[in-house]
Each structure stands twice: as C-alpha cells, then as structure tokens.
N, C-alpha and C. Protein backbone atom coordinates (compact mmCIF):
# COMPACT_ATOMS: atom_id res chain seq x y z
N MET A 1 -8.21 11.55 -4.64
CA MET A 1 -9.33 11.10 -3.84
C MET A 1 -10.38 12.21 -3.81
N LYS A 2 -11.63 11.81 -3.90
CA LYS A 2 -12.73 12.76 -3.88
C LYS A 2 -12.74 13.53 -2.56
N GLU A 3 -13.05 14.79 -2.63
CA GLU A 3 -13.16 15.62 -1.44
C GLU A 3 -14.23 15.04 -0.53
N LEU A 4 -13.86 14.64 0.66
CA LEU A 4 -14.79 13.96 1.55
C LEU A 4 -15.48 14.88 2.55
N THR A 5 -15.06 16.13 2.60
CA THR A 5 -15.66 17.01 3.60
C THR A 5 -16.80 17.85 3.03
N ARG A 6 -16.97 17.92 1.72
CA ARG A 6 -18.05 18.68 1.10
C ARG A 6 -18.97 17.71 0.39
N LEU A 7 -20.16 17.52 0.90
CA LEU A 7 -21.11 16.60 0.30
C LEU A 7 -22.23 17.36 -0.38
N THR A 8 -22.76 16.77 -1.42
CA THR A 8 -23.95 17.31 -2.06
C THR A 8 -25.05 16.26 -1.94
N LYS A 9 -26.28 16.65 -2.24
CA LYS A 9 -27.38 15.69 -2.14
C LYS A 9 -27.15 14.50 -3.06
N SER A 10 -26.48 14.69 -4.18
CA SER A 10 -26.24 13.57 -5.09
C SER A 10 -25.24 12.57 -4.50
N ASP A 11 -24.46 12.97 -3.48
CA ASP A 11 -23.51 12.07 -2.82
C ASP A 11 -24.18 11.16 -1.79
N LEU A 12 -25.37 11.54 -1.36
CA LEU A 12 -26.02 10.79 -0.30
C LEU A 12 -26.60 9.48 -0.83
N ILE A 13 -26.49 8.43 -0.04
CA ILE A 13 -27.04 7.13 -0.40
C ILE A 13 -28.47 7.08 0.12
N PRO A 14 -29.44 6.76 -0.75
CA PRO A 14 -30.82 6.73 -0.28
C PRO A 14 -31.03 5.67 0.80
N PHE A 15 -31.89 5.98 1.75
CA PHE A 15 -32.16 5.06 2.86
C PHE A 15 -32.57 3.68 2.36
N GLU A 16 -33.33 3.62 1.28
CA GLU A 16 -33.81 2.34 0.76
C GLU A 16 -32.66 1.39 0.44
N ALA A 17 -31.49 1.92 0.12
CA ALA A 17 -30.34 1.06 -0.19
C ALA A 17 -29.88 0.27 1.02
N PHE A 18 -30.16 0.75 2.21
CA PHE A 18 -29.71 0.08 3.43
C PHE A 18 -30.73 -0.94 3.95
N VAL A 19 -31.91 -0.98 3.39
CA VAL A 19 -32.93 -1.90 3.89
C VAL A 19 -33.35 -2.93 2.84
N GLY A 20 -32.65 -3.00 1.74
CA GLY A 20 -33.07 -3.90 0.67
C GLY A 20 -31.99 -4.86 0.22
N PHE A 21 -31.21 -5.38 1.13
CA PHE A 21 -30.13 -6.29 0.76
C PHE A 21 -30.66 -7.68 0.44
N GLU A 22 -30.01 -8.34 -0.50
CA GLU A 22 -30.31 -9.73 -0.82
C GLU A 22 -29.03 -10.53 -0.69
N ARG A 23 -29.13 -11.74 -0.15
CA ARG A 23 -27.98 -12.63 -0.02
C ARG A 23 -27.56 -13.12 -1.41
N LEU A 24 -26.28 -13.07 -1.69
CA LEU A 24 -25.74 -13.59 -2.94
C LEU A 24 -25.29 -15.02 -2.68
N LYS A 25 -26.17 -15.95 -2.86
CA LYS A 25 -25.93 -17.33 -2.44
C LYS A 25 -24.77 -18.00 -3.17
N LYS A 26 -24.57 -17.70 -4.42
CA LYS A 26 -23.54 -18.40 -5.18
C LYS A 26 -22.13 -17.92 -4.87
N VAL A 27 -21.99 -16.79 -4.21
CA VAL A 27 -20.66 -16.23 -3.97
C VAL A 27 -20.29 -16.12 -2.50
N ASN A 28 -21.16 -16.53 -1.62
CA ASN A 28 -20.84 -16.41 -0.20
C ASN A 28 -20.09 -17.63 0.28
N PRO A 29 -19.08 -17.49 1.09
CA PRO A 29 -18.54 -16.20 1.54
C PRO A 29 -17.63 -15.59 0.48
N ILE A 30 -17.56 -14.26 0.47
CA ILE A 30 -16.67 -13.62 -0.51
C ILE A 30 -15.22 -13.61 -0.04
N LEU A 31 -14.99 -13.71 1.25
CA LEU A 31 -13.65 -13.84 1.81
C LEU A 31 -13.59 -15.16 2.56
N ALA A 32 -12.66 -16.01 2.19
CA ALA A 32 -12.60 -17.34 2.81
C ALA A 32 -11.16 -17.81 2.90
N CYS A 33 -10.91 -18.74 3.80
CA CYS A 33 -9.61 -19.37 3.99
C CYS A 33 -9.82 -20.87 4.04
N GLU A 34 -8.77 -21.61 3.78
CA GLU A 34 -8.84 -23.06 3.89
C GLU A 34 -8.83 -23.46 5.37
N PRO A 35 -9.73 -24.39 5.76
CA PRO A 35 -9.73 -24.86 7.16
C PRO A 35 -8.38 -25.46 7.53
N PRO A 36 -7.94 -25.29 8.75
CA PRO A 36 -8.68 -24.84 9.93
C PRO A 36 -8.68 -23.32 10.10
N GLU A 37 -8.12 -22.58 9.14
CA GLU A 37 -8.17 -21.12 9.22
C GLU A 37 -9.52 -20.64 8.76
N TRP A 38 -9.88 -19.40 9.13
CA TRP A 38 -11.09 -18.83 8.60
C TRP A 38 -11.05 -17.31 8.64
N ALA A 39 -11.90 -16.72 7.80
CA ALA A 39 -11.97 -15.27 7.64
C ALA A 39 -13.19 -14.75 8.38
N ALA A 40 -13.06 -13.57 8.98
CA ALA A 40 -14.19 -13.00 9.71
C ALA A 40 -14.03 -11.50 9.83
N ALA A 41 -15.09 -10.88 10.28
CA ALA A 41 -15.09 -9.47 10.66
C ALA A 41 -14.65 -8.55 9.54
N ALA A 42 -15.18 -8.74 8.34
CA ALA A 42 -14.83 -7.87 7.22
C ALA A 42 -15.63 -6.57 7.28
N HIS A 43 -14.94 -5.48 7.06
CA HIS A 43 -15.57 -4.19 6.88
C HIS A 43 -15.04 -3.61 5.58
N ALA A 44 -15.88 -2.86 4.91
CA ALA A 44 -15.49 -2.30 3.61
C ALA A 44 -15.58 -0.79 3.64
N MET A 45 -14.67 -0.17 2.90
CA MET A 45 -14.72 1.27 2.66
C MET A 45 -14.55 1.47 1.17
N VAL A 46 -15.35 2.37 0.61
CA VAL A 46 -15.23 2.70 -0.81
C VAL A 46 -14.46 4.01 -0.90
N VAL A 47 -13.37 3.99 -1.65
CA VAL A 47 -12.58 5.18 -1.90
C VAL A 47 -12.40 5.28 -3.40
N ASP A 48 -12.93 6.35 -3.97
CA ASP A 48 -12.94 6.54 -5.41
C ASP A 48 -13.60 5.34 -6.08
N ASP A 49 -12.87 4.60 -6.90
CA ASP A 49 -13.48 3.48 -7.64
C ASP A 49 -13.08 2.12 -7.08
N THR A 50 -12.62 2.09 -5.82
CA THR A 50 -12.14 0.84 -5.22
C THR A 50 -12.83 0.56 -3.90
N VAL A 51 -13.25 -0.70 -3.73
CA VAL A 51 -13.75 -1.18 -2.45
C VAL A 51 -12.55 -1.77 -1.70
N HIS A 52 -12.30 -1.29 -0.50
CA HIS A 52 -11.23 -1.81 0.35
C HIS A 52 -11.86 -2.64 1.45
N TYR A 53 -11.51 -3.92 1.49
CA TYR A 53 -11.98 -4.81 2.54
C TYR A 53 -10.87 -4.96 3.57
N LEU A 54 -11.17 -4.66 4.82
CA LEU A 54 -10.27 -4.96 5.94
C LEU A 54 -10.94 -6.09 6.70
N TRP A 55 -10.19 -7.14 6.95
CA TRP A 55 -10.79 -8.32 7.57
C TRP A 55 -9.74 -9.04 8.40
N ALA A 56 -10.22 -9.92 9.24
CA ALA A 56 -9.33 -10.67 10.13
C ALA A 56 -9.26 -12.12 9.66
N ARG A 57 -8.05 -12.67 9.74
CA ARG A 57 -7.84 -14.07 9.37
C ARG A 57 -7.39 -14.83 10.61
N ARG A 58 -8.17 -15.84 10.96
CA ARG A 58 -7.81 -16.66 12.12
C ARG A 58 -6.83 -17.73 11.68
N LYS A 59 -5.68 -17.72 12.31
CA LYS A 59 -4.64 -18.70 12.03
C LYS A 59 -4.77 -19.86 13.01
N GLN A 60 -4.06 -20.94 12.73
CA GLN A 60 -4.05 -22.06 13.68
C GLN A 60 -3.56 -21.56 15.03
N GLY A 61 -4.12 -22.07 16.10
CA GLY A 61 -3.77 -21.62 17.44
C GLY A 61 -4.68 -20.52 17.93
N ASN A 62 -5.71 -20.16 17.14
CA ASN A 62 -6.71 -19.17 17.51
C ASN A 62 -6.14 -17.76 17.66
N TYR A 63 -5.13 -17.44 16.87
CA TYR A 63 -4.73 -16.04 16.86
C TYR A 63 -5.06 -15.46 15.49
N TRP A 64 -5.23 -14.15 15.45
CA TRP A 64 -5.74 -13.47 14.28
C TRP A 64 -4.73 -12.45 13.76
N VAL A 65 -4.81 -12.17 12.46
CA VAL A 65 -4.00 -11.14 11.81
C VAL A 65 -4.92 -10.29 10.95
N LEU A 66 -4.48 -9.08 10.63
CA LEU A 66 -5.28 -8.15 9.84
C LEU A 66 -4.92 -8.27 8.36
N MET A 67 -5.95 -8.40 7.51
CA MET A 67 -5.79 -8.57 6.08
C MET A 67 -6.43 -7.40 5.33
N HIS A 68 -5.97 -7.20 4.07
CA HIS A 68 -6.52 -6.17 3.20
C HIS A 68 -6.75 -6.78 1.82
N SER A 69 -7.91 -6.53 1.26
CA SER A 69 -8.23 -6.97 -0.09
C SER A 69 -8.99 -5.85 -0.78
N THR A 70 -9.00 -5.87 -2.11
CA THR A 70 -9.68 -4.82 -2.87
C THR A 70 -10.53 -5.42 -3.97
N ALA A 71 -11.42 -4.59 -4.48
CA ALA A 71 -12.24 -4.94 -5.64
C ALA A 71 -12.70 -3.65 -6.29
N PRO A 72 -12.98 -3.68 -7.58
CA PRO A 72 -13.54 -2.49 -8.21
C PRO A 72 -14.98 -2.26 -7.75
N VAL A 73 -15.38 -1.00 -7.66
CA VAL A 73 -16.74 -0.67 -7.23
C VAL A 73 -17.77 -1.34 -8.13
N GLY A 74 -17.48 -1.42 -9.41
CA GLY A 74 -18.42 -2.02 -10.35
C GLY A 74 -18.55 -3.52 -10.22
N ASP A 75 -17.61 -4.18 -9.55
CA ASP A 75 -17.66 -5.63 -9.35
C ASP A 75 -17.05 -5.97 -8.00
N PRO A 76 -17.76 -5.69 -6.91
CA PRO A 76 -17.19 -5.86 -5.57
C PRO A 76 -16.86 -7.30 -5.20
N LEU A 77 -17.23 -8.26 -6.06
CA LEU A 77 -16.89 -9.66 -5.79
C LEU A 77 -15.60 -10.07 -6.48
N ALA A 78 -15.04 -9.20 -7.32
CA ALA A 78 -13.77 -9.49 -8.01
C ALA A 78 -12.61 -9.12 -7.09
N ILE A 79 -12.47 -9.86 -6.04
CA ILE A 79 -11.54 -9.53 -4.96
C ILE A 79 -10.11 -9.92 -5.31
N LYS A 80 -9.20 -9.00 -5.01
CA LYS A 80 -7.76 -9.27 -5.11
C LYS A 80 -7.17 -9.03 -3.73
N HIS A 81 -6.38 -9.99 -3.28
CA HIS A 81 -5.76 -9.87 -1.95
C HIS A 81 -4.45 -9.09 -2.05
N ASP A 82 -4.23 -8.23 -1.09
CA ASP A 82 -3.01 -7.42 -1.02
C ASP A 82 -1.81 -8.36 -0.91
N ARG A 83 -0.81 -8.16 -1.73
CA ARG A 83 0.39 -9.02 -1.72
C ARG A 83 1.16 -8.89 -0.41
N ARG A 84 0.89 -7.84 0.37
CA ARG A 84 1.58 -7.64 1.65
C ARG A 84 0.88 -8.33 2.81
N ASN A 85 -0.25 -9.00 2.55
CA ASN A 85 -1.00 -9.66 3.62
C ASN A 85 -0.14 -10.65 4.37
N PRO A 86 -0.33 -10.75 5.67
CA PRO A 86 -1.16 -9.88 6.51
C PRO A 86 -0.53 -8.49 6.63
N VAL A 87 -1.39 -7.48 6.66
CA VAL A 87 -0.91 -6.11 6.71
C VAL A 87 -0.63 -5.63 8.13
N LEU A 88 -1.08 -6.39 9.12
CA LEU A 88 -0.73 -6.07 10.51
C LEU A 88 -0.70 -7.36 11.32
N LEU A 89 0.36 -7.52 12.07
CA LEU A 89 0.55 -8.68 12.95
C LEU A 89 0.44 -8.24 14.40
N PRO A 90 0.24 -9.19 15.32
CA PRO A 90 0.29 -8.82 16.73
C PRO A 90 1.63 -8.13 17.06
N SER A 91 1.60 -7.26 18.04
CA SER A 91 2.82 -6.54 18.42
C SER A 91 3.80 -7.49 19.12
N LYS A 92 5.05 -7.05 19.24
CA LYS A 92 6.05 -7.87 19.94
C LYS A 92 5.77 -7.89 21.44
N GLU A 93 5.34 -6.76 21.98
CA GLU A 93 4.99 -6.64 23.39
C GLU A 93 3.80 -5.70 23.49
N GLY A 94 2.92 -5.96 24.41
CA GLY A 94 1.80 -5.05 24.60
C GLY A 94 0.48 -5.77 24.74
N PHE A 95 -0.58 -4.99 24.80
CA PHE A 95 -1.91 -5.55 25.01
C PHE A 95 -2.38 -6.39 23.83
N ASP A 96 -1.78 -6.24 22.66
CA ASP A 96 -2.18 -6.95 21.45
C ASP A 96 -1.07 -7.87 20.93
N ASP A 97 -0.32 -8.48 21.84
CA ASP A 97 0.82 -9.31 21.41
C ASP A 97 0.44 -10.74 21.04
N PHE A 98 -0.84 -11.11 21.16
CA PHE A 98 -1.28 -12.44 20.74
C PHE A 98 -2.18 -12.38 19.51
N THR A 99 -3.11 -11.42 19.51
CA THR A 99 -4.07 -11.40 18.40
C THR A 99 -4.57 -9.99 18.13
N ILE A 100 -4.89 -9.76 16.86
CA ILE A 100 -5.56 -8.53 16.43
C ILE A 100 -6.68 -8.93 15.48
N GLU A 101 -7.86 -8.40 15.71
CA GLU A 101 -9.01 -8.81 14.89
C GLU A 101 -10.07 -7.73 14.89
N TYR A 102 -11.17 -7.99 14.24
CA TYR A 102 -12.33 -7.11 14.13
C TYR A 102 -11.96 -5.67 13.77
N PRO A 103 -11.35 -5.46 12.61
CA PRO A 103 -11.02 -4.10 12.19
C PRO A 103 -12.27 -3.31 11.83
N PHE A 104 -12.30 -2.06 12.23
CA PHE A 104 -13.39 -1.17 11.87
C PHE A 104 -12.79 0.14 11.35
N PRO A 105 -12.67 0.28 10.02
CA PRO A 105 -12.04 1.48 9.43
C PRO A 105 -13.00 2.67 9.37
N PHE A 106 -12.43 3.85 9.43
CA PHE A 106 -13.21 5.07 9.24
C PHE A 106 -12.30 6.20 8.79
N TRP A 107 -12.90 7.18 8.14
CA TRP A 107 -12.22 8.38 7.63
C TRP A 107 -12.45 9.50 8.61
N ASN A 108 -11.41 10.24 8.97
CA ASN A 108 -11.54 11.38 9.87
C ASN A 108 -11.34 12.64 9.04
N PRO A 109 -12.41 13.38 8.72
CA PRO A 109 -12.26 14.57 7.89
C PRO A 109 -11.48 15.68 8.59
N ALA A 110 -11.37 15.64 9.92
CA ALA A 110 -10.65 16.69 10.64
C ALA A 110 -9.16 16.71 10.28
N ASP A 111 -8.54 15.52 10.16
CA ASP A 111 -7.12 15.49 9.80
C ASP A 111 -6.88 14.79 8.46
N ARG A 112 -7.98 14.42 7.77
CA ARG A 112 -7.92 13.82 6.44
C ARG A 112 -7.09 12.53 6.41
N ARG A 113 -7.29 11.71 7.45
CA ARG A 113 -6.58 10.44 7.54
C ARG A 113 -7.59 9.32 7.82
N PHE A 114 -7.15 8.11 7.53
CA PHE A 114 -7.95 6.92 7.82
C PHE A 114 -7.50 6.33 9.15
N TYR A 115 -8.47 5.77 9.88
CA TYR A 115 -8.21 5.13 11.15
C TYR A 115 -8.89 3.77 11.17
N VAL A 116 -8.40 2.90 12.03
CA VAL A 116 -9.02 1.58 12.21
C VAL A 116 -9.02 1.27 13.70
N TYR A 117 -10.23 1.09 14.26
CA TYR A 117 -10.32 0.48 15.58
C TYR A 117 -10.13 -1.02 15.38
N TYR A 118 -9.50 -1.68 16.32
CA TYR A 118 -9.35 -3.13 16.25
C TYR A 118 -9.33 -3.71 17.65
N LEU A 119 -9.67 -4.99 17.72
CA LEU A 119 -9.65 -5.71 18.98
C LEU A 119 -8.26 -6.32 19.12
N GLY A 120 -7.64 -6.11 20.24
CA GLY A 120 -6.34 -6.71 20.53
C GLY A 120 -6.39 -7.42 21.87
N ARG A 121 -5.61 -8.47 21.96
CA ARG A 121 -5.53 -9.12 23.28
C ARG A 121 -4.24 -9.92 23.38
N GLN A 122 -3.94 -10.24 24.62
CA GLN A 122 -2.84 -11.14 24.91
C GLN A 122 -3.38 -12.56 24.90
N GLN A 123 -2.60 -13.52 25.36
CA GLN A 123 -3.03 -14.93 25.33
C GLN A 123 -4.38 -15.15 26.00
N SER A 124 -4.65 -14.43 27.07
CA SER A 124 -5.94 -14.57 27.76
C SER A 124 -6.59 -13.19 27.85
N PRO A 125 -7.92 -13.17 28.07
CA PRO A 125 -8.61 -11.87 28.13
C PRO A 125 -8.00 -10.99 29.21
N PRO A 126 -8.25 -9.71 29.14
CA PRO A 126 -9.35 -9.09 28.44
C PRO A 126 -9.00 -8.64 27.01
N LYS A 127 -10.04 -8.58 26.20
CA LYS A 127 -9.92 -7.96 24.88
C LYS A 127 -9.96 -6.46 25.09
N GLN A 128 -9.14 -5.73 24.33
CA GLN A 128 -9.12 -4.27 24.46
C GLN A 128 -9.06 -3.67 23.06
N THR A 129 -9.35 -2.38 22.98
CA THR A 129 -9.44 -1.72 21.68
C THR A 129 -8.19 -0.91 21.38
N GLY A 130 -7.60 -1.20 20.23
CA GLY A 130 -6.47 -0.43 19.74
C GLY A 130 -6.90 0.47 18.59
N LEU A 131 -5.99 1.33 18.16
CA LEU A 131 -6.28 2.27 17.08
C LEU A 131 -5.09 2.35 16.14
N LEU A 132 -5.38 2.24 14.85
CA LEU A 132 -4.37 2.36 13.80
C LEU A 132 -4.65 3.63 13.01
N VAL A 133 -3.62 4.16 12.35
CA VAL A 133 -3.77 5.33 11.50
C VAL A 133 -3.05 5.05 10.19
N GLY A 134 -3.59 5.60 9.11
CA GLY A 134 -2.97 5.45 7.80
C GLY A 134 -3.31 6.62 6.91
N ASP A 135 -2.54 6.76 5.85
CA ASP A 135 -2.72 7.89 4.94
C ASP A 135 -3.35 7.50 3.61
N GLY A 136 -4.09 6.40 3.57
CA GLY A 136 -4.80 6.02 2.36
C GLY A 136 -4.31 4.73 1.73
N ASP A 137 -3.15 4.23 2.16
CA ASP A 137 -2.67 2.93 1.71
C ASP A 137 -3.22 1.91 2.70
N PHE A 138 -4.27 1.21 2.31
CA PHE A 138 -4.95 0.30 3.23
C PHE A 138 -4.12 -0.93 3.57
N GLY A 139 -2.96 -1.04 2.99
CA GLY A 139 -2.06 -2.14 3.32
C GLY A 139 -0.96 -1.72 4.26
N GLN A 140 -1.00 -0.47 4.72
CA GLN A 140 0.05 0.03 5.62
C GLN A 140 -0.58 0.85 6.74
N TRP A 141 -0.44 0.35 7.96
CA TRP A 141 -1.03 0.98 9.13
C TRP A 141 0.01 1.15 10.23
N THR A 142 -0.19 2.19 11.04
CA THR A 142 0.68 2.45 12.18
C THR A 142 -0.18 2.49 13.44
N ARG A 143 0.27 1.82 14.49
CA ARG A 143 -0.45 1.90 15.76
C ARG A 143 -0.34 3.33 16.29
N VAL A 144 -1.46 3.88 16.73
CA VAL A 144 -1.46 5.22 17.31
C VAL A 144 -0.65 5.22 18.60
N ARG A 145 -0.78 4.13 19.35
CA ARG A 145 0.04 3.94 20.55
C ARG A 145 0.08 2.45 20.88
N GLN A 146 0.98 2.06 21.74
CA GLN A 146 1.17 0.65 22.10
C GLN A 146 0.23 0.18 23.20
N THR A 147 -0.52 1.08 23.74
CA THR A 147 -1.50 0.74 24.77
C THR A 147 -2.90 0.90 24.19
N PRO A 148 -3.91 0.27 24.80
CA PRO A 148 -5.26 0.39 24.25
C PRO A 148 -5.79 1.82 24.31
N VAL A 149 -6.60 2.19 23.32
CA VAL A 149 -7.27 3.48 23.37
C VAL A 149 -8.58 3.37 24.14
N ILE A 150 -9.13 2.16 24.22
CA ILE A 150 -10.27 1.86 25.09
C ILE A 150 -9.85 0.63 25.89
N ALA A 151 -9.40 0.89 27.10
CA ALA A 151 -8.86 -0.18 27.94
C ALA A 151 -9.97 -0.85 28.74
N ALA A 152 -9.75 -2.11 29.06
CA ALA A 152 -10.66 -2.86 29.95
C ALA A 152 -10.14 -2.65 31.37
N ASP A 153 -10.51 -1.53 31.95
CA ASP A 153 -9.94 -1.18 33.26
C ASP A 153 -10.98 -0.95 34.34
N THR A 154 -12.20 -1.43 34.10
CA THR A 154 -13.22 -1.34 35.15
C THR A 154 -13.81 -2.74 35.39
N GLU A 155 -14.52 -2.90 36.47
CA GLU A 155 -15.07 -4.20 36.85
C GLU A 155 -15.98 -4.78 35.78
N HIS A 156 -16.84 -3.96 35.17
CA HIS A 156 -17.77 -4.50 34.18
C HIS A 156 -17.10 -4.83 32.85
N GLU A 157 -15.84 -4.51 32.70
CA GLU A 157 -15.09 -4.84 31.48
C GLU A 157 -14.11 -5.98 31.70
N ARG A 158 -14.34 -6.80 32.68
CA ARG A 158 -13.41 -7.88 33.02
C ARG A 158 -13.06 -8.74 31.81
N GLN A 159 -14.04 -9.01 30.95
CA GLN A 159 -13.78 -9.82 29.76
C GLN A 159 -13.34 -8.99 28.56
N GLY A 160 -13.48 -7.68 28.65
CA GLY A 160 -12.96 -6.87 27.58
C GLY A 160 -13.76 -5.63 27.25
N SER A 161 -13.12 -4.76 26.50
CA SER A 161 -13.72 -3.54 25.95
C SER A 161 -13.37 -3.56 24.48
N SER A 162 -14.28 -4.05 23.68
CA SER A 162 -13.92 -4.27 22.28
C SER A 162 -15.12 -4.07 21.36
N HIS A 163 -14.87 -4.25 20.08
CA HIS A 163 -15.85 -4.14 19.00
C HIS A 163 -16.44 -2.73 18.88
N PRO A 164 -15.61 -1.70 18.85
CA PRO A 164 -16.12 -0.34 18.68
C PRO A 164 -16.48 -0.09 17.22
N SER A 165 -17.27 0.92 17.01
CA SER A 165 -17.59 1.36 15.66
C SER A 165 -17.76 2.88 15.70
N VAL A 166 -17.86 3.47 14.54
CA VAL A 166 -17.95 4.91 14.41
C VAL A 166 -19.17 5.24 13.56
N ALA A 167 -19.90 6.25 13.94
CA ALA A 167 -21.01 6.75 13.13
C ALA A 167 -20.76 8.22 12.88
N ASP A 168 -20.88 8.64 11.66
CA ASP A 168 -20.69 10.04 11.31
C ASP A 168 -22.01 10.77 11.49
N HIS A 169 -21.93 11.90 12.12
CA HIS A 169 -23.13 12.75 12.26
C HIS A 169 -23.10 13.74 11.11
N LEU A 170 -24.07 13.62 10.24
CA LEU A 170 -24.15 14.50 9.08
C LEU A 170 -25.40 15.35 9.22
N SER A 171 -25.21 16.59 9.59
CA SER A 171 -26.37 17.47 9.73
C SER A 171 -26.74 18.04 8.38
N CYS A 172 -27.97 18.44 8.25
CA CYS A 172 -28.47 18.97 6.96
C CYS A 172 -27.70 20.20 6.52
N ASP A 173 -27.22 21.00 7.46
CA ASP A 173 -26.50 22.21 7.06
C ASP A 173 -25.12 21.90 6.50
N ARG A 174 -24.63 20.67 6.64
CA ARG A 174 -23.33 20.30 6.06
C ARG A 174 -23.49 19.81 4.63
N VAL A 175 -24.71 19.59 4.19
CA VAL A 175 -24.93 19.08 2.85
C VAL A 175 -25.30 20.23 1.94
N ASP A 176 -24.51 20.41 0.88
CA ASP A 176 -24.83 21.46 -0.09
C ASP A 176 -26.11 21.10 -0.84
N GLN A 177 -26.93 22.08 -1.11
CA GLN A 177 -28.15 21.85 -1.86
C GLN A 177 -27.76 21.69 -3.29
C-alpha cells in the first residue's frame, strides 16, 4: 500500500475535480438490489489500484447490513461484490442489534488502520454511531466496542446521533514540495 502519511503536490487532487461531476445516466445506480431490497449510503475509498465501496443493503423488514464491493481504479463501474457479503451483520445484543447502515470509512495515519463510522440501532430509535476497525481487508471489520462511540444521550438527540463523517486537515507544511 502506498505510504499515506507523506504526500507530495503530485498526490493532491485538484479542486476542479470536486466541482465538475457529471451524472452517468446509463449506469446509475451502480449499486442496486432487487426490490423490495435496496442499496444506499455508498462511500468509496481508493487504495492503490482498487476502489472499495462500502454500502448498506436494506433487507425485507427494514433492517440493514453492511456490504463491500470493489472495482479497478481505471474502471470504477466494473464492480465485483465481495463473496463474504454481507461483511457485517447487526450484533447479537447491543445498540446495533437490529440494523447497521450508512458506513463512512476513513484511514487513520496515526495507527495506520482503517475505520468505519456506522449508524446502528435497535428495533426503535434512537440511532447511534458505532465504530469499526480493520487492517486493510475491507471485507473484515471488528467493532471497536459494543456500545456507541457517539451515543444519543442528551435531550436534543432523542431521535439519534448518527451520520458522522471525517475530514482530514492537511496543512501546507505536511505536503512535500
């Protein structure tokens, strides 16, 4: 895997790439399920020459499971589904024993591991945020703990504390000239 803690200017994605997207009408959606199931909340991470899609699949009964699919960087629509799917199911007991959805993966350069925030809930709200950890196999994740890392434990979170995301702060002094 490419060294992720040392960036050069050639590694940076130009801003224009983030403001010039076009809808690919003939291929949307790129992740789909047969009704009454459906796919949602896909996030992608590029590692070396592979795009890793983490996404949620809604099963009958309105519960969700975590899925993993891949594609080559050169053809991100040539998706192959992980044979181990679903790669994470609701827990046997805990805040996420009914559903897990909305995965948000990120790389932590401090410990050189991958993490995923996800929404978990029991049969009824509140939705709460869990955290998974992995060592680069996007089809194998371990819960950091059995309780939420962002709990819905205040009055204004009655319906939930969910849908977190991560933004990396990249200062100019961290980028090699």
